Amino acid sequence: MARINDVGGTEGFGAIDTTDDAEPFHADWEARVVGLFNALRARGIVNTNEFRDAIEAIPPVAYLSMPYYERWFTALTTLLERKGVIEPGELDD
């Protein structure tokens, strides 16, 4: 079963912007999400495969409406809740 991120061969998404972006992050929170992922992975709390699976499991409408690093944050939140590290909804505010 294909997931929303698996769009190989699909047309209609428009041209891909191939210009280089001088900034790796557009907001401080994006860098923090990457740091959080790296820290959680280094401590063995999450691994890359389950992280990728959590991103790919985001419902299609939500996935397509989220910026890139919001998908990362959503996946990390899902994994932390699933593993009992945080309570469901704890980070909603």
PDB file of N, CA and C in Angstrom:
ATOM      1  N   MET A   1       0.844  -1.177   0.000  1.00  0.00           N
ATOM      2  CA  MET A   1       0.000   0.000   0.000  1.00  0.00           C
ATOM      3  C   MET A   1       0.893   1.245   0.000  1.00  0.00           C
ATOM      4  N   ALA A   2       0.693   2.099  -0.968  1.00  0.00           N
ATOM      5  CA  ALA A   2       1.479   3.332  -1.062  1.00  0.00           C
ATOM      6  C   ALA A   2       0.983   4.347  -0.033  1.00  0.00           C
ATOM      7  N   ARG A   3       1.919   5.083   0.516  1.00  0.00           N
ATOM      8  CA  ARG A   3       1.588   6.150   1.447  1.00  0.00           C
ATOM      9  C   ARG A   3       1.707   7.481   0.738  1.00  0.00           C
ATOM     10  N   ILE A   4       1.244   8.543   1.376  1.00  0.00           N
ATOM     11  CA  ILE A   4       1.189   9.857   0.755  1.00  0.00           C
ATOM     12  C   ILE A   4       2.544  10.359   0.289  1.00  0.00           C
ATOM     13  N   ASN A   5       3.602   9.993   0.977  1.00  0.00           N
ATOM     14  CA  ASN A   5       4.929  10.463   0.592  1.00  0.00           C
ATOM     15  C   ASN A   5       5.475   9.724  -0.626  1.00  0.00           C
ATOM     16  N   ASP A   6       4.868   8.610  -0.997  1.00  0.00           N
ATOM     17  CA  ASP A   6       5.333   7.811  -2.129  1.00  0.00           C
ATOM     18  C   ASP A   6       4.631   8.293  -3.397  1.00  0.00           C
ATOM     19  N   VAL A   7       5.193   9.311  -4.009  1.00  0.00           N
ATOM     20  CA  VAL A   7       4.562   9.921  -5.184  1.00  0.00           C
ATOM     21  C   VAL A   7       5.351   9.662  -6.468  1.00  0.00           C
ATOM     22  N   GLY A   8       6.228   8.673  -6.436  1.00  0.00           N
ATOM     23  CA  GLY A   8       7.023   8.359  -7.610  1.00  0.00           C
ATOM     24  C   GLY A   8       6.153   8.149  -8.832  1.00  0.00           C
ATOM     25  N   GLY A   9       6.448   8.873  -9.895  1.00  0.00           N
ATOM     26  CA  GLY A   9       5.705   8.751 -11.137  1.00  0.00           C
ATOM     27  C   GLY A   9       4.399   9.524 -11.173  1.00  0.00           C
ATOM     28  N   THR A  10       4.021  10.132 -10.061  1.00  0.00           N
ATOM     29  CA  THR A  10       2.784  10.904 -10.015  1.00  0.00           C
ATOM     30  C   THR A  10       3.033  12.282 -10.601  1.00  0.00           C
ATOM     31  N   GLU A  11       2.096  12.743 -11.388  1.00  0.00           N
ATOM     32  CA  GLU A  11       2.223  14.059 -11.988  1.00  0.00           C
ATOM     33  C   GLU A  11       1.211  15.017 -11.370  1.00  0.00           C
ATOM     34  N   GLY A  12       1.412  16.316 -11.632  1.00  0.00           N
ATOM     35  CA  GLY A  12       0.447  17.303 -11.187  1.00  0.00           C
ATOM     36  C   GLY A  12       0.857  18.087  -9.957  1.00  0.00           C
ATOM     37  N   PHE A  13       2.068  17.876  -9.470  1.00  0.00           N
ATOM     38  CA  PHE A  13       2.537  18.612  -8.303  1.00  0.00           C
ATOM     39  C   PHE A  13       3.278  19.880  -8.679  1.00  0.00           C
ATOM     40  N   GLY A  14       3.406  20.142  -9.954  1.00  0.00           N
ATOM     41  CA  GLY A  14       4.092  21.348 -10.398  1.00  0.00           C
ATOM     42  C   GLY A  14       5.592  21.156 -10.449  1.00  0.00           C
ATOM     43  N   ALA A  15       6.275  22.217 -10.844  1.00  0.00           N
ATOM     44  CA  ALA A  15       7.727  22.164 -10.981  1.00  0.00           C
ATOM     45  C   ALA A  15       8.399  22.090  -9.612  1.00  0.00           C
ATOM     46  N   ILE A  16       9.537  21.468  -9.582  1.00  0.00           N
ATOM     47  CA  ILE A  16      10.334  21.371  -8.365  1.00  0.00           C
ATOM     48  C   ILE A  16      11.307  22.537  -8.336  1.00  0.00           C
ATOM     49  N   ASP A  17      11.336  23.240  -7.228  1.00  0.00           N
ATOM     50  CA  ASP A  17      12.267  24.351  -7.060  1.00  0.00           C
ATOM     51  C   ASP A  17      13.645  23.771  -6.756  1.00  0.00           C
ATOM     52  N   THR A  18      14.573  23.942  -7.666  1.00  0.00           N
ATOM     53  CA  THR A  18      15.905  23.376  -7.497  1.00  0.00           C
ATOM     54  C   THR A  18      16.951  24.416  -7.109  1.00  0.00           C
ATOM     55  N   THR A  19      16.504  25.630  -6.795  1.00  0.00           N
ATOM     56  CA  THR A  19      17.468  26.648  -6.372  1.00  0.00           C
ATOM     57  C   THR A  19      17.950  26.331  -4.962  1.00  0.00           C
ATOM     58  N   ASP A  20      19.210  26.623  -4.725  1.00  0.00           N
ATOM     59  CA  ASP A  20      19.771  26.385  -3.398  1.00  0.00           C
ATOM     60  C   ASP A  20      19.210  27.391  -2.408  1.00  0.00           C
ATOM     61  N   ASP A  21      18.942  26.907  -1.209  1.00  0.00           N
ATOM     62  CA  ASP A  21      18.473  27.755  -0.135  1.00  0.00           C
ATOM     63  C   ASP A  21      19.662  28.013   0.785  1.00  0.00           C
ATOM     64  N   ALA A  22      20.012  29.254   0.959  1.00  0.00           N
ATOM     65  CA  ALA A  22      21.192  29.596   1.767  1.00  0.00           C
ATOM     66  C   ALA A  22      21.003  29.281   3.247  1.00  0.00           C
ATOM     67  N   GLU A  23      19.782  29.225   3.708  1.00  0.00           N
ATOM     68  CA  GLU A  23      19.497  28.982   5.118  1.00  0.00           C
ATOM     69  C   GLU A  23      19.052  27.530   5.324  1.00  0.00           C
ATOM     70  N   PRO A  24      19.718  26.798   6.225  1.00  0.00           N
ATOM     71  CA  PRO A  24      19.280  25.424   6.473  1.00  0.00           C
ATOM     72  C   PRO A  24      17.935  25.374   7.205  1.00  0.00           C
ATOM     73  N   PHE A  25      17.638  26.404   7.970  1.00  0.00           N
ATOM     74  CA  PHE A  25      16.378  26.477   8.712  1.00  0.00           C
ATOM     75  C   PHE A  25      15.791  27.861   8.529  1.00  0.00           C
ATOM     76  N   HIS A  26      14.482  27.917   8.514  1.00  0.00           N
ATOM     77  CA  HIS A  26      13.806  29.206   8.333  1.00  0.00           C
ATOM     78  C   HIS A  26      13.271  29.774   9.635  1.00  0.00           C
ATOM     79  N   ALA A  27      13.338  28.981  10.682  1.00  0.00           N
ATOM     80  CA  ALA A  27      12.906  29.424  12.008  1.00  0.00           C
ATOM     81  C   ALA A  27      13.704  28.642  13.053  1.00  0.00           C
ATOM     82  N   ASP A  28      13.881  29.244  14.209  1.00  0.00           N
ATOM     83  CA  ASP A  28      14.650  28.590  15.273  1.00  0.00           C
ATOM     84  C   ASP A  28      14.064  27.241  15.673  1.00  0.00           C
ATOM     85  N   TRP A  29      12.727  27.143  15.674  1.00  0.00           N
ATOM     86  CA  TRP A  29      12.105  25.903  16.117  1.00  0.00           C
ATOM     87  C   TRP A  29      12.482  24.735  15.210  1.00  0.00           C
ATOM     88  N   GLU A  30      12.736  24.990  13.929  1.00  0.00           N
ATOM     89  CA  GLU A  30      13.108  23.913  13.012  1.00  0.00           C
ATOM     90  C   GLU A  30      14.441  23.293  13.429  1.00  0.00           C
ATOM     91  N   ALA A  31      15.404  24.134  13.751  1.00  0.00           N
ATOM     92  CA  ALA A  31      16.708  23.628  14.212  1.00  0.00           C
ATOM     93  C   ALA A  31      16.550  22.863  15.517  1.00  0.00           C
ATOM     94  N   ARG A  32      15.674  23.314  16.372  1.00  0.00           N
ATOM     95  CA  ARG A  32      15.448  22.626  17.653  1.00  0.00           C
ATOM     96  C   ARG A  32      14.848  21.235  17.437  1.00  0.00           C
ATOM     97  N   VAL A  33      13.958  21.120  16.461  1.00  0.00           N
ATOM     98  CA  VAL A  33      13.366  19.813  16.162  1.00  0.00           C
ATOM     99  C   VAL A  33      14.438  18.846  15.681  1.00  0.00           C
ATOM    100  N   VAL A  34      15.341  19.320  14.832  1.00  0.00           N
ATOM    101  CA  VAL A  34      16.443  18.467  14.368  1.00  0.00           C
ATOM    102  C   VAL A  34      17.330  18.076  15.548  1.00  0.00           C
ATOM    103  N   GLY A  35      17.628  19.028  16.417  1.00  0.00           N
ATOM    104  CA  GLY A  35      18.414  18.727  17.612  1.00  0.00           C
ATOM    105  C   GLY A  35      17.717  17.719  18.511  1.00  0.00           C
ATOM    106  N   LEU A  36      16.419  17.857  18.673  1.00  0.00           N
ATOM    107  CA  LEU A  36      15.647  16.920  19.479  1.00  0.00           C
ATOM    108  C   LEU A  36      15.710  15.522  18.878  1.00  0.00           C
ATOM    109  N   PHE A  37      15.525  15.432  17.576  1.00  0.00           N
ATOM    110  CA  PHE A  37      15.623  14.135  16.909  1.00  0.00           C
ATOM    111  C   PHE A  37      16.997  13.514  17.148  1.00  0.00           C
ATOM    112  N   ASN A  38      18.047  14.284  16.951  1.00  0.00           N
ATOM    113  CA  ASN A  38      19.408  13.763  17.130  1.00  0.00           C
ATOM    114  C   ASN A  38      19.658  13.308  18.561  1.00  0.00           C
ATOM    115  N   ALA A  39      19.164  14.074  19.534  1.00  0.00           N
ATOM    116  CA  ALA A  39      19.339  13.703  20.943  1.00  0.00           C
ATOM    117  C   ALA A  39      18.560  12.430  21.278  1.00  0.00           C
ATOM    118  N   LEU A  40      17.329  12.336  20.805  1.00  0.00           N
ATOM    119  CA  LEU A  40      16.520  11.146  21.078  1.00  0.00           C
ATOM    120  C   LEU A  40      17.103   9.909  20.404  1.00  0.00           C
ATOM    121  N   ARG A  41      17.627  10.078  19.208  1.00  0.00           N
ATOM    122  CA  ARG A  41      18.251   8.961  18.501  1.00  0.00           C
ATOM    123  C   ARG A  41      19.547   8.531  19.206  1.00  0.00           C
ATOM    124  N   ALA A  42      20.351   9.495  19.636  1.00  0.00           N
ATOM    125  CA  ALA A  42      21.608   9.183  20.321  1.00  0.00           C
ATOM    126  C   ALA A  42      21.370   8.438  21.632  1.00  0.00           C
ATOM    127  N   ARG A  43      20.255   8.733  22.285  1.00  0.00           N
ATOM    128  CA  ARG A  43      19.934   8.061  23.559  1.00  0.00           C
ATOM    129  C   ARG A  43      19.202   6.748  23.361  1.00  0.00           C
ATOM    130  N   GLY A  44      18.912   6.409  22.096  1.00  0.00           N
ATOM    131  CA  GLY A  44      18.230   5.151  21.803  1.00  0.00           C
ATOM    132  C   GLY A  44      16.740   5.178  22.055  1.00  0.00           C
ATOM    133  N   ILE A  45      16.171   6.367  22.190  1.00  0.00           N
ATOM    134  CA  ILE A  45      14.739   6.486  22.447  1.00  0.00           C
ATOM    135  C   ILE A  45      13.944   6.300  21.159  1.00  0.00           C
ATOM    136  N   VAL A  46      14.472   6.805  20.062  1.00  0.00           N
ATOM    137  CA  VAL A  46      13.863   6.582  18.741  1.00  0.00           C
ATOM    138  C   VAL A  46      14.971   6.137  17.788  1.00  0.00           C
ATOM    139  N   ASN A  47      14.565   5.463  16.732  1.00  0.00           N
ATOM    140  CA  ASN A  47      15.534   5.141  15.696  1.00  0.00           C
ATOM    141  C   ASN A  47      15.026   5.674  14.355  1.00  0.00           C
ATOM    142  N   THR A  48      15.910   5.719  13.406  1.00  0.00           N
ATOM    143  CA  THR A  48      15.588   6.338  12.124  1.00  0.00           C
ATOM    144  C   THR A  48      14.442   5.632  11.418  1.00  0.00           C
ATOM    145  N   ASN A  49      14.401   4.320  11.479  1.00  0.00           N
ATOM    146  CA  ASN A  49      13.339   3.592  10.775  1.00  0.00           C
ATOM    147  C   ASN A  49      11.962   3.884  11.341  1.00  0.00           C
ATOM    148  N   GLU A  50      11.826   3.881  12.658  1.00  0.00           N
ATOM    149  CA  GLU A  50      10.514   4.153  13.239  1.00  0.00           C
ATOM    150  C   GLU A  50      10.138   5.624  13.065  1.00  0.00           C
ATOM    151  N   PHE A  51      11.133   6.494  13.056  1.00  0.00           N
ATOM    152  CA  PHE A  51      10.890   7.908  12.815  1.00  0.00           C
ATOM    153  C   PHE A  51      10.344   8.111  11.406  1.00  0.00           C
ATOM    154  N   ARG A  52      11.004   7.504  10.430  1.00  0.00           N
ATOM    155  CA  ARG A  52      10.530   7.608   9.052  1.00  0.00           C
ATOM    156  C   ARG A  52       9.127   7.033   8.908  1.00  0.00           C
ATOM    157  N   ASP A  53       8.867   5.898   9.547  1.00  0.00           N
ATOM    158  CA  ASP A  53       7.547   5.289   9.489  1.00  0.00           C
ATOM    159  C   ASP A  53       6.496   6.213  10.095  1.00  0.00           C
ATOM    160  N   ALA A  54       6.843   6.882  11.188  1.00  0.00           N
ATOM    161  CA  ALA A  54       5.888   7.798  11.826  1.00  0.00           C
ATOM    162  C   ALA A  54       5.574   8.993  10.916  1.00  0.00           C
ATOM    163  N   ILE A  55       6.577   9.477  10.191  1.00  0.00           N
ATOM    164  CA  ILE A  55       6.320  10.563   9.238  1.00  0.00           C
ATOM    165  C   ILE A  55       5.398  10.070   8.133  1.00  0.00           C
ATOM    166  N   GLU A  56       5.696   8.896   7.597  1.00  0.00           N
ATOM    167  CA  GLU A  56       4.913   8.367   6.489  1.00  0.00           C
ATOM    168  C   GLU A  56       3.498   7.986   6.894  1.00  0.00           C
ATOM    169  N   ALA A  57       3.253   7.794   8.196  1.00  0.00           N
ATOM    170  CA  ALA A  57       1.926   7.427   8.687  1.00  0.00           C
ATOM    171  C   ALA A  57       1.038   8.631   8.980  1.00  0.00           C
ATOM    172  N   ILE A  58       1.570   9.834   8.833  1.00  0.00           N
ATOM    173  CA  ILE A  58       0.743  11.027   9.037  1.00  0.00           C
ATOM    174  C   ILE A  58      -0.383  11.002   7.998  1.00  0.00           C
ATOM    175  N   PRO A  59      -1.620  11.243   8.406  1.00  0.00           N
ATOM    176  CA  PRO A  59      -2.726  11.223   7.443  1.00  0.00           C
ATOM    177  C   PRO A  59      -2.456  12.160   6.262  1.00  0.00           C
ATOM    178  N   PRO A  60      -2.832  11.731   5.049  1.00  0.00           N
ATOM    179  CA  PRO A  60      -2.499  12.489   3.838  1.00  0.00           C
ATOM    180  C   PRO A  60      -2.849  13.971   3.866  1.00  0.00           C
ATOM    181  N   VAL A  61      -4.025  14.325   4.312  1.00  0.00           N
ATOM    182  CA  VAL A  61      -4.413  15.745   4.317  1.00  0.00           C
ATOM    183  C   VAL A  61      -3.499  16.541   5.233  1.00  0.00           C
ATOM    184  N   ALA A  62      -3.190  15.994   6.396  1.00  0.00           N
ATOM    185  CA  ALA A  62      -2.283  16.673   7.327  1.00  0.00           C
ATOM    186  C   ALA A  62      -0.870  16.720   6.752  1.00  0.00           C
ATOM    187  N   TYR A  63      -0.415  15.606   6.204  1.00  0.00           N
ATOM    188  CA  TYR A  63       0.942  15.532   5.639  1.00  0.00           C
ATOM    189  C   TYR A  63       1.151  16.606   4.579  1.00  0.00           C
ATOM    190  N   LEU A  64       0.203  16.752   3.684  1.00  0.00           N
ATOM    191  CA  LEU A  64       0.341  17.717   2.589  1.00  0.00           C
ATOM    192  C   LEU A  64       0.209  19.164   3.049  1.00  0.00           C
ATOM    193  N   SER A  65      -0.385  19.387   4.209  1.00  0.00           N
ATOM    194  CA  SER A  65      -0.570  20.760   4.683  1.00  0.00           C
ATOM    195  C   SER A  65       0.538  21.206   5.638  1.00  0.00           C
ATOM    196  N   MET A  66       1.436  20.296   6.008  1.00  0.00           N
ATOM    197  CA  MET A  66       2.489  20.606   6.976  1.00  0.00           C
ATOM    198  C   MET A  66       3.789  20.991   6.286  1.00  0.00           C
ATOM    199  N   PRO A  67       4.488  21.974   6.859  1.00  0.00           N
ATOM    200  CA  PRO A  67       5.862  22.201   6.411  1.00  0.00           C
ATOM    201  C   PRO A  67       6.736  21.000   6.811  1.00  0.00           C
ATOM    202  N   TYR A  68       7.890  20.898   6.193  1.00  0.00           N
ATOM    203  CA  TYR A  68       8.789  19.760   6.370  1.00  0.00           C
ATOM    204  C   TYR A  68       9.081  19.441   7.834  1.00  0.00           C
ATOM    205  N   TYR A  69       9.534  20.419   8.592  1.00  0.00           N
ATOM    206  CA  TYR A  69       9.930  20.134   9.972  1.00  0.00           C
ATOM    207  C   TYR A  69       8.741  19.969  10.909  1.00  0.00           C
ATOM    208  N   GLU A  70       7.576  20.420  10.510  1.00  0.00           N
ATOM    209  CA  GLU A  70       6.387  20.117  11.309  1.00  0.00           C
ATOM    210  C   GLU A  70       6.077  18.629  11.219  1.00  0.00           C
ATOM    211  N   ARG A  71       6.361  18.025  10.074  1.00  0.00           N
ATOM    212  CA  ARG A  71       6.213  16.570   9.953  1.00  0.00           C
ATOM    213  C   ARG A  71       7.169  15.866  10.912  1.00  0.00           C
ATOM    214  N   TRP A  72       8.397  16.368  11.011  1.00  0.00           N
ATOM    215  CA  TRP A  72       9.362  15.794  11.950  1.00  0.00           C
ATOM    216  C   TRP A  72       8.827  15.894  13.378  1.00  0.00           C
ATOM    217  N   PHE A  73       8.332  17.082  13.746  1.00  0.00           N
ATOM    218  CA  PHE A  73       7.845  17.282  15.115  1.00  0.00           C
ATOM    219  C   PHE A  73       6.641  16.384  15.394  1.00  0.00           C
ATOM    220  N   THR A  74       5.742  16.279  14.444  1.00  0.00           N
ATOM    221  CA  THR A  74       4.569  15.421  14.602  1.00  0.00           C
ATOM    222  C   THR A  74       4.992  13.971  14.783  1.00  0.00           C
ATOM    223  N   ALA A  75       5.952  13.522  13.989  1.00  0.00           N
ATOM    224  CA  ALA A  75       6.434  12.146  14.107  1.00  0.00           C
ATOM    225  C   ALA A  75       7.086  11.910  15.467  1.00  0.00           C
ATOM    226  N   LEU A  76       7.918  12.840  15.911  1.00  0.00           N
ATOM    227  CA  LEU A  76       8.567  12.685  17.215  1.00  0.00           C
ATOM    228  C   LEU A  76       7.542  12.667  18.338  1.00  0.00           C
ATOM    229  N   THR A  77       6.566  13.550  18.270  1.00  0.00           N
ATOM    230  CA  THR A  77       5.509  13.577  19.282  1.00  0.00           C
ATOM    231  C   THR A  77       4.770  12.247  19.321  1.00  0.00           C
ATOM    232  N   THR A  78       4.429  11.734  18.157  1.00  0.00           N
ATOM    233  CA  THR A  78       3.736  10.447  18.065  1.00  0.00           C
ATOM    234  C   THR A  78       4.559   9.340  18.710  1.00  0.00           C
ATOM    235  N   LEU A  79       5.843   9.288  18.385  1.00  0.00           N
ATOM    236  CA  LEU A  79       6.700   8.243  18.943  1.00  0.00           C
ATOM    237  C   LEU A  79       6.871   8.382  20.454  1.00  0.00           C
ATOM    238  N   LEU A  80       7.048   9.604  20.932  1.00  0.00           N
ATOM    239  CA  LEU A  80       7.221   9.817  22.375  1.00  0.00           C
ATOM    240  C   LEU A  80       5.957   9.456  23.148  1.00  0.00           C
ATOM    241  N   GLU A  81       4.799   9.750  22.569  1.00  0.00           N
ATOM    242  CA  GLU A  81       3.542   9.353  23.210  1.00  0.00           C
ATOM    243  C   GLU A  81       3.395   7.835  23.193  1.00  0.00           C
ATOM    244  N   ARG A  82       3.685   7.231  22.061  1.00  0.00           N
ATOM    245  CA  ARG A  82       3.562   5.781  21.918  1.00  0.00           C
ATOM    246  C   ARG A  82       4.461   5.049  22.909  1.00  0.00           C
ATOM    247  N   LYS A  83       5.624   5.607  23.183  1.00  0.00           N
ATOM    248  CA  LYS A  83       6.591   4.965  24.077  1.00  0.00           C
ATOM    249  C   LYS A  83       6.404   5.356  25.537  1.00  0.00           C
ATOM    250  N   GLY A  84       5.424   6.223  25.818  1.00  0.00           N
ATOM    251  CA  GLY A  84       5.147   6.614  27.192  1.00  0.00           C
ATOM    252  C   GLY A  84       6.122   7.625  27.770  1.00  0.00           C
ATOM    253  N   VAL A  85       6.910   8.261  26.910  1.00  0.00           N
ATOM    254  CA  VAL A  85       7.848   9.283  27.377  1.00  0.00           C
ATOM    255  C   VAL A  85       7.097  10.558  27.748  1.00  0.00           C
ATOM    256  N   ILE A  86       6.069  10.876  26.983  1.00  0.00           N
ATOM    257  CA  ILE A  86       5.186  11.998  27.291  1.00  0.00           C
ATOM    258  C   ILE A  86       3.754  11.495  27.271  1.00  0.00           C
ATOM    259  N   GLU A  87       2.881  12.227  27.934  1.00  0.00           N
ATOM    260  CA  GLU A  87       1.466  11.881  27.952  1.00  0.00           C
ATOM    261  C   GLU A  87       0.815  12.333  26.643  1.00  0.00           C
ATOM    262  N   PRO A  88      -0.191  11.597  26.155  1.00  0.00           N
ATOM    263  CA  PRO A  88      -0.899  12.049  24.961  1.00  0.00           C
ATOM    264  C   PRO A  88      -1.436  13.474  25.149  1.00  0.00           C
ATOM    265  N   GLY A  89      -1.158  14.326  24.178  1.00  0.00           N
ATOM    266  CA  GLY A  89      -1.613  15.705  24.226  1.00  0.00           C
ATOM    267  C   GLY A  89      -0.774  16.626  25.073  1.00  0.00           C
ATOM    268  N   GLU A  90       0.272  16.125  25.698  1.00  0.00           N
ATOM    269  CA  GLU A  90       1.086  16.943  26.599  1.00  0.00           C
ATOM    270  C   GLU A  90       1.707  18.149  25.903  1.00  0.00           C
ATOM    271  N   LEU A  91       2.029  18.025  24.641  1.00  0.00           N
ATOM    272  CA  LEU A  91       2.667  19.110  23.914  1.00  0.00           C
ATOM    273  C   LEU A  91       1.701  19.903  23.049  1.00  0.00           C
ATOM    274  N   ASP A  92       0.412  19.698  23.230  1.00  0.00           N
ATOM    275  CA  ASP A  92      -0.575  20.373  22.387  1.00  0.00           C
ATOM    276  C   ASP A  92      -0.590  21.890  22.571  1.00  0.00           C
ATOM    277  N   ASP A  93      -0.272  22.373  23.761  1.00  0.00           N
ATOM    278  CA  ASP A  93      -0.275  23.815  23.995  1.00  0.00           C
ATOM    279  C   ASP A  93       0.945  24.391  23.424  1.00  0.00           C
TER     280      ASP A  93
END
